[in-house]
Amino acid sequence: MIRLFTFLLLIIPSISFSQGQTKDYIDWLSLEKAQEYSKKYNKNMLIYFYRSNCEFCEKMKLETLNDKNIINLINNNFFPVMLNGRTKDTLVFNDRVFGNQQPINHGSTFRHDLFFDLVKAVNGQYYWPSTVIISNNYETLMSIPGFQPKRNYTKLLRENK
């Protein structure tokens, strides 16, 4: 009986403490899961497009997307997806098939068609990274170009949660 009591004294505080904790990372989902959950739970998707060897993409990941407030904001208000905007993978979004028209043997320098379809150009230019907020009805609510410092990103995300 004493062992059971001791065990309960040790385990109950750790269970209740862990339930109040927030994650230290963004819960990235596949595009397929994000679409499924967005429809089911009537919640917006956040798609973060990056590219390999992009200085500003890495800076955004390290400085902005690692901020605890932004992590909580994203995890609690969106179904987040991280996609390489130059992937050669075929992606299905809103029952449409998207690909990358550049031949595989030419490397990975051409943007994916989904990136081109969702990201809005600014003065004719596309920026890396880019974040797009999508409604559960697949409407683009906001396209956020380039690196965003914590304060700007927080403000923009709060407008579209």
C-alpha atoms as a PDB file:
ATOM      1  CA  MET A   1       0.000   0.000   0.000  1.00  0.00           C
ATOM      2  CA  ILE A   2       2.842   2.381   0.838  1.00  0.00           C
ATOM      3  CA  ARG A   3       4.493   1.592  -2.516  1.00  0.00           C
ATOM      4  CA  LEU A   4       1.292   2.407  -4.373  1.00  0.00           C
ATOM      5  CA  PHE A   5       0.899   5.661  -2.465  1.00  0.00           C
ATOM      6  CA  THR A   6       4.548   6.605  -3.151  1.00  0.00           C
ATOM      7  CA  PHE A   7       4.164   5.746  -6.809  1.00  0.00           C
ATOM      8  CA  LEU A   8       1.047   7.918  -7.111  1.00  0.00           C
ATOM      9  CA  LEU A   9       2.781  10.813  -5.360  1.00  0.00           C
ATOM     10  CA  LEU A  10       5.586  10.657  -7.900  1.00  0.00           C
ATOM     11  CA  ILE A  11       3.600  10.030 -11.057  1.00  0.00           C
ATOM     12  CA  ILE A  12       0.572  12.350 -10.665  1.00  0.00           C
ATOM     13  CA  PRO A  13       2.555  15.619 -10.469  1.00  0.00           C
ATOM     14  CA  SER A  14       4.582  14.680 -13.539  1.00  0.00           C
ATOM     15  CA  ILE A  15       1.425  13.850 -15.519  1.00  0.00           C
ATOM     16  CA  SER A  16      -0.332  17.074 -14.608  1.00  0.00           C
ATOM     17  CA  PHE A  17       2.837  19.103 -15.243  1.00  0.00           C
ATOM     18  CA  SER A  18       3.370  17.617 -18.693  1.00  0.00           C
ATOM     19  CA  GLN A  19      -0.211  18.413 -19.727  1.00  0.00           C
ATOM     20  CA  GLY A  20       0.371  22.125 -19.136  1.00  0.00           C
ATOM     21  CA  GLN A  21       3.594  22.263 -21.130  1.00  0.00           C
ATOM     22  CA  THR A  22       3.819  23.569 -24.649  1.00  0.00           C
ATOM     23  CA  LYS A  23       5.931  22.037 -27.375  1.00  0.00           C
ATOM     24  CA  ASP A  24       9.377  23.333 -28.243  1.00  0.00           C
ATOM     25  CA  TYR A  25       8.859  22.668 -31.931  1.00  0.00           C
ATOM     26  CA  ILE A  26       6.297  23.163 -34.655  1.00  0.00           C
ATOM     27  CA  ASP A  27       4.191  20.064 -35.291  1.00  0.00           C
ATOM     28  CA  TRP A  28       4.769  19.928 -39.065  1.00  0.00           C
ATOM     29  CA  LEU A  29       2.292  17.746 -40.964  1.00  0.00           C
ATOM     30  CA  SER A  30       2.229  16.280 -44.425  1.00  0.00           C
ATOM     31  CA  LEU A  31       0.246  18.266 -46.967  1.00  0.00           C
ATOM     32  CA  GLU A  32      -2.241  15.407 -47.159  1.00  0.00           C
ATOM     33  CA  LYS A  33      -2.848  15.351 -43.371  1.00  0.00           C
ATOM     34  CA  ALA A  34      -3.090  19.137 -43.140  1.00  0.00           C
ATOM     35  CA  GLN A  35      -5.799  19.179 -45.821  1.00  0.00           C
ATOM     36  CA  GLU A  36      -7.698  16.378 -44.107  1.00  0.00           C
ATOM     37  CA  TYR A  37      -7.536  18.044 -40.671  1.00  0.00           C
ATOM     38  CA  SER A  38      -8.284  21.509 -42.032  1.00  0.00           C
ATOM     39  CA  LYS A  39     -11.542  20.278 -43.533  1.00  0.00           C
ATOM     40  CA  LYS A  40     -12.445  18.168 -40.509  1.00  0.00           C
ATOM     41  CA  TYR A  41     -11.700  20.800 -37.842  1.00  0.00           C
ATOM     42  CA  ASN A  42     -12.424  23.996 -39.838  1.00  0.00           C
ATOM     43  CA  LYS A  43      -8.971  25.411 -39.210  1.00  0.00           C
ATOM     44  CA  ASN A  44      -6.538  27.174 -41.535  1.00  0.00           C
ATOM     45  CA  MET A  45      -3.368  25.631 -42.944  1.00  0.00           C
ATOM     46  CA  LEU A  46       0.019  27.324 -42.875  1.00  0.00           C
ATOM     47  CA  ILE A  47       2.386  26.276 -45.657  1.00  0.00           C
ATOM     48  CA  TYR A  48       6.031  27.289 -45.260  1.00  0.00           C
ATOM     49  CA  PHE A  49       7.917  27.074 -48.570  1.00  0.00           C
ATOM     50  CA  TYR A  50      11.708  26.954 -48.392  1.00  0.00           C
ATOM     51  CA  ARG A  51      14.500  25.959 -50.741  1.00  0.00           C
ATOM     52  CA  SER A  52      17.795  24.197 -50.147  1.00  0.00           C
ATOM     53  CA  ASN A  53      20.870  26.344 -49.511  1.00  0.00           C
ATOM     54  CA  CYS A  54      18.754  29.447 -48.944  1.00  0.00           C
ATOM     55  CA  GLU A  55      20.342  31.767 -46.396  1.00  0.00           C
ATOM     56  CA  PHE A  56      17.075  33.523 -45.543  1.00  0.00           C
ATOM     57  CA  CYS A  57      15.151  30.229 -45.263  1.00  0.00           C
ATOM     58  CA  GLU A  58      17.654  28.974 -42.676  1.00  0.00           C
ATOM     59  CA  LYS A  59      17.596  32.301 -40.852  1.00  0.00           C
ATOM     60  CA  MET A  60      13.792  32.137 -40.702  1.00  0.00           C
ATOM     61  CA  LYS A  61      13.905  28.572 -39.341  1.00  0.00           C
ATOM     62  CA  LEU A  62      16.523  29.428 -36.710  1.00  0.00           C
ATOM     63  CA  GLU A  63      15.335  32.841 -35.568  1.00  0.00           C
ATOM     64  CA  THR A  64      11.612  33.079 -36.210  1.00  0.00           C
ATOM     65  CA  LEU A  65      10.251  29.536 -36.330  1.00  0.00           C
ATOM     66  CA  ASN A  66      12.171  28.567 -33.180  1.00  0.00           C
ATOM     67  CA  ASP A  67      10.544  31.285 -31.077  1.00  0.00           C
ATOM     68  CA  LYS A  68       8.313  29.736 -28.389  1.00  0.00           C
ATOM     69  CA  ASN A  69       5.519  32.268 -28.908  1.00  0.00           C
ATOM     70  CA  ILE A  70       5.456  31.635 -32.648  1.00  0.00           C
ATOM     71  CA  ILE A  71       5.620  27.871 -32.116  1.00  0.00           C
ATOM     72  CA  ASN A  72       2.578  28.073 -29.820  1.00  0.00           C
ATOM     73  CA  LEU A  73       0.746  30.427 -32.176  1.00  0.00           C
ATOM     74  CA  ILE A  74       1.274  28.084 -35.138  1.00  0.00           C
ATOM     75  CA  ASN A  75       0.582  24.826 -33.286  1.00  0.00           C
ATOM     76  CA  ASN A  76      -2.600  26.168 -31.684  1.00  0.00           C
ATOM     77  CA  ASN A  77      -4.100  27.963 -34.682  1.00  0.00           C
ATOM     78  CA  PHE A  78      -2.964  26.250 -37.883  1.00  0.00           C
ATOM     79  CA  PHE A  79      -2.196  22.925 -39.455  1.00  0.00           C
ATOM     80  CA  PRO A  80       1.411  23.625 -40.502  1.00  0.00           C
ATOM     81  CA  VAL A  81       3.202  22.142 -43.517  1.00  0.00           C
ATOM     82  CA  MET A  82       6.841  22.664 -44.498  1.00  0.00           C
ATOM     83  CA  LEU A  83       7.571  22.108 -48.200  1.00  0.00           C
ATOM     84  CA  ASN A  84      10.647  22.421 -50.351  1.00  0.00           C
ATOM     85  CA  GLY A  85       9.435  24.829 -53.019  1.00  0.00           C
ATOM     86  CA  ARG A  86      11.705  23.145 -55.554  1.00  0.00           C
ATOM     87  CA  THR A  87      10.851  19.539 -54.819  1.00  0.00           C
ATOM     88  CA  LYS A  88      10.526  17.101 -57.702  1.00  0.00           C
ATOM     89  CA  ASP A  89       7.728  15.262 -55.849  1.00  0.00           C
ATOM     90  CA  THR A  90       4.233  15.225 -57.252  1.00  0.00           C
ATOM     91  CA  LEU A  91       1.861  16.858 -54.769  1.00  0.00           C
ATOM     92  CA  VAL A  92      -1.926  16.739 -54.626  1.00  0.00           C
ATOM     93  CA  PHE A  93      -3.628  19.844 -53.307  1.00  0.00           C
ATOM     94  CA  ASN A  94      -7.365  20.520 -53.468  1.00  0.00           C
ATOM     95  CA  ASP A  95      -7.768  17.445 -55.708  1.00  0.00           C
ATOM     96  CA  ARG A  96      -5.341  18.931 -58.247  1.00  0.00           C
ATOM     97  CA  VAL A  97      -1.989  17.366 -59.133  1.00  0.00           C
ATOM     98  CA  PHE A  98       1.089  19.622 -59.051  1.00  0.00           C
ATOM     99  CA  GLY A  99       4.597  18.849 -60.225  1.00  0.00           C
ATOM    100  CA  ASN A 100       7.909  20.453 -61.060  1.00  0.00           C
ATOM    101  CA  GLN A 101       8.278  20.932 -64.794  1.00  0.00           C
ATOM    102  CA  GLN A 102      12.077  20.962 -64.751  1.00  0.00           C
ATOM    103  CA  PRO A 103      13.543  17.578 -65.728  1.00  0.00           C
ATOM    104  CA  ILE A 104      15.123  15.697 -62.812  1.00  0.00           C
ATOM    105  CA  ASN A 105      18.518  15.552 -64.537  1.00  0.00           C
ATOM    106  CA  HIS A 106      18.624  19.369 -64.600  1.00  0.00           C
ATOM    107  CA  GLY A 107      18.863  19.581 -60.822  1.00  0.00           C
ATOM    108  CA  SER A 108      16.639  21.476 -58.433  1.00  0.00           C
ATOM    109  CA  THR A 109      16.710  25.085 -59.539  1.00  0.00           C
ATOM    110  CA  PHE A 110      13.125  25.458 -60.755  1.00  0.00           C
ATOM    111  CA  ARG A 111      10.167  26.211 -58.507  1.00  0.00           C
ATOM    112  CA  HIS A 112       7.416  23.647 -57.952  1.00  0.00           C
ATOM    113  CA  ASP A 113       4.041  24.373 -59.556  1.00  0.00           C
ATOM    114  CA  LEU A 114       2.285  24.359 -56.151  1.00  0.00           C
ATOM    115  CA  PHE A 115       4.659  27.096 -54.963  1.00  0.00           C
ATOM    116  CA  PHE A 116       3.901  29.079 -58.122  1.00  0.00           C
ATOM    117  CA  ASP A 117       0.137  28.552 -57.690  1.00  0.00           C
ATOM    118  CA  LEU A 118      -0.084  29.540 -54.002  1.00  0.00           C
ATOM    119  CA  VAL A 119       2.642  32.150 -53.463  1.00  0.00           C
ATOM    120  CA  LYS A 120       1.836  35.661 -54.611  1.00  0.00           C
ATOM    121  CA  ALA A 121       4.579  37.569 -56.402  1.00  0.00           C
ATOM    122  CA  VAL A 122       5.578  40.974 -55.050  1.00  0.00           C
ATOM    123  CA  ASN A 123       6.360  43.390 -57.871  1.00  0.00           C
ATOM    124  CA  GLY A 124       6.850  40.402 -60.166  1.00  0.00           C
ATOM    125  CA  GLN A 125       9.323  38.708 -57.803  1.00  0.00           C
ATOM    126  CA  TYR A 126       9.034  35.527 -55.731  1.00  0.00           C
ATOM    127  CA  TYR A 127      10.831  35.436 -52.415  1.00  0.00           C
ATOM    128  CA  TRP A 128      12.336  32.633 -50.342  1.00  0.00           C
ATOM    129  CA  PRO A 129      11.100  31.600 -47.915  1.00  0.00           C
ATOM    130  CA  SER A 130       7.389  32.201 -48.401  1.00  0.00           C
ATOM    131  CA  THR A 131       4.519  31.403 -46.062  1.00  0.00           C
ATOM    132  CA  VAL A 132       0.971  30.953 -47.267  1.00  0.00           C
ATOM    133  CA  ILE A 133      -2.140  30.815 -45.083  1.00  0.00           C
ATOM    134  CA  ILE A 134      -4.883  28.679 -46.648  1.00  0.00           C
ATOM    135  CA  SER A 135      -8.477  28.343 -45.435  1.00  0.00           C
ATOM    136  CA  ASN A 136     -10.206  24.990 -45.044  1.00  0.00           C
ATOM    137  CA  ASN A 137     -11.925  25.823 -48.370  1.00  0.00           C
ATOM    138  CA  TYR A 138      -8.498  26.137 -50.070  1.00  0.00           C
ATOM    139  CA  GLU A 139      -8.662  29.908 -50.402  1.00  0.00           C
ATOM    140  CA  THR A 140      -5.361  31.744 -50.073  1.00  0.00           C
ATOM    141  CA  LEU A 141      -5.895  34.143 -47.174  1.00  0.00           C
ATOM    142  CA  MET A 142      -2.378  35.561 -47.081  1.00  0.00           C
ATOM    143  CA  SER A 143       0.968  35.155 -48.800  1.00  0.00           C
ATOM    144  CA  ILE A 144       3.928  36.277 -46.677  1.00  0.00           C
ATOM    145  CA  PRO A 145       7.086  36.842 -48.748  1.00  0.00           C
ATOM    146  CA  GLY A 146      10.655  36.355 -47.590  1.00  0.00           C
ATOM    147  CA  PHE A 147      12.304  36.292 -44.195  1.00  0.00           C
ATOM    148  CA  GLN A 148      10.127  37.763 -41.457  1.00  0.00           C
ATOM    149  CA  PRO A 149      11.436  38.771 -38.037  1.00  0.00           C
ATOM    150  CA  LYS A 150       9.517  37.466 -35.014  1.00  0.00           C
ATOM    151  CA  ARG A 151       7.464  40.620 -34.404  1.00  0.00           C
ATOM    152  CA  ASN A 152       6.240  40.955 -38.009  1.00  0.00           C
ATOM    153  CA  TYR A 153       5.518  37.237 -38.363  1.00  0.00           C
ATOM    154  CA  THR A 154       3.559  37.130 -35.113  1.00  0.00           C
ATOM    155  CA  LYS A 155       1.434  40.088 -36.191  1.00  0.00           C
ATOM    156  CA  LEU A 156       0.726  38.607 -39.630  1.00  0.00           C
ATOM    157  CA  LEU A 157      -0.184  35.189 -38.230  1.00  0.00           C
ATOM    158  CA  ARG A 158      -2.526  36.647 -35.618  1.00  0.00           C
ATOM    159  CA  GLU A 159      -4.445  38.423 -38.376  1.00  0.00           C
ATOM    160  CA  ASN A 160      -5.221  35.086 -40.040  1.00  0.00           C
ATOM    161  CA  LYS A 161      -5.691  32.531 -37.297  1.00  0.00           C
END
